[in-house]
Amino acid sequence: MALPSYAEAIEEKQLEGGARDAGRYTLIFPPVFPSSRRPSGHEILLWSPPERNRHLDSSIFLKLDEACDQLTGLAGYYVPLVIFLAVETGLRLEELCALKWQDVALDARRMDVAKPRWPEGHEARTVVLSVRARWNLECVASALQEDDRYDPDAPVIPMTTTAVHKALRIVENHAQLQLTELFFEALHRDAAMRFDEAGLTKAEKDVMLGSALRILPGSHEDLISIQDKLDHHLLDGRTYEEAKDGIPLIPAPQLIRAREMMAEWGILKIEEASPTVIRHFPNVVLRVLAA
């Protein structure tokens, strides 16, 4: 059967973008199949991570994809998302676990981070969502809405920090990572180096990372500047408006419809919704963080 027209269009864009886009985002259809977080041998031949001056070696994210496949239940859904958001936003685990959906403005690409309990000098702040972080969160929200379990007052990550730490230790062991620091601290430092790559000023990095002695909320102009720099870095010097028609990310509602159609054709199995099964939860592909 023919793919829906929007799926064909996205597929064509991926082919036009070639290995670069396949590595930077994710392929549209492989992630909807079971056990597909890992790249195929063909994909690895097509694309290899560029050399970057970053805190974490790019090969680590391929290992993390494989390790996350070992997780079950809600951890299998949310731990890859936690890792992805930590690198893309620079938020700490406690901040991510405290986020509620009402704190996330997908259209505006903003996320409100509550005032931490410590240090006392830090205030609540707003951070910018990257193109990829926004898309993953949109897919999660749409999946929850489809199962009638979306609640603005609910946490984005419905796991305690203790449960996430436990799952991360499992991931770290499976990936056989050789780190000289705590895993999440390594992710935080990697985020900082990515912000350096994008050209963020020290003040802008402090807003994203919450790392200054006294963090105050960034101004509207600060946030626009941060967003523009992140977009230019990811999109080869273009703004999101200039690049959006060529970005191979299918809108979340359309992705759900495509999955349902594939289930009808018998080429995709979708489990019944349950407390530990979210039928259309996106497959968060960590290998894109190598780009």
Foldseek 3Di string as FASTA:
>chain_A
DDAPPVLVLLQVLCVVVWLLLCLQAHDQPQQQAPPRLADDPVSCVRDDFDDDPFLDALVLLNLLSVLLSPDAFLSNQCLLLLLVCCQQQLEFLVQLQPFFQLQQDLVVQKGWTQADPPDPQEHIAITGHAPRNSQQLQLQQVLCVVVPNHDRGAHSRNDDSVVSLVSVVSSCVSSVDDDPDDPSVSSSRRSLVVLVLLPQDPLLSCRRNVPDPHNDYDDPVSNVVSRQSSQCSSVVHDHCVVCVSSNSRDHNVVSVVSQVVCVVVVNHDFDDDDNRHRRRNGNNRSSSVSD
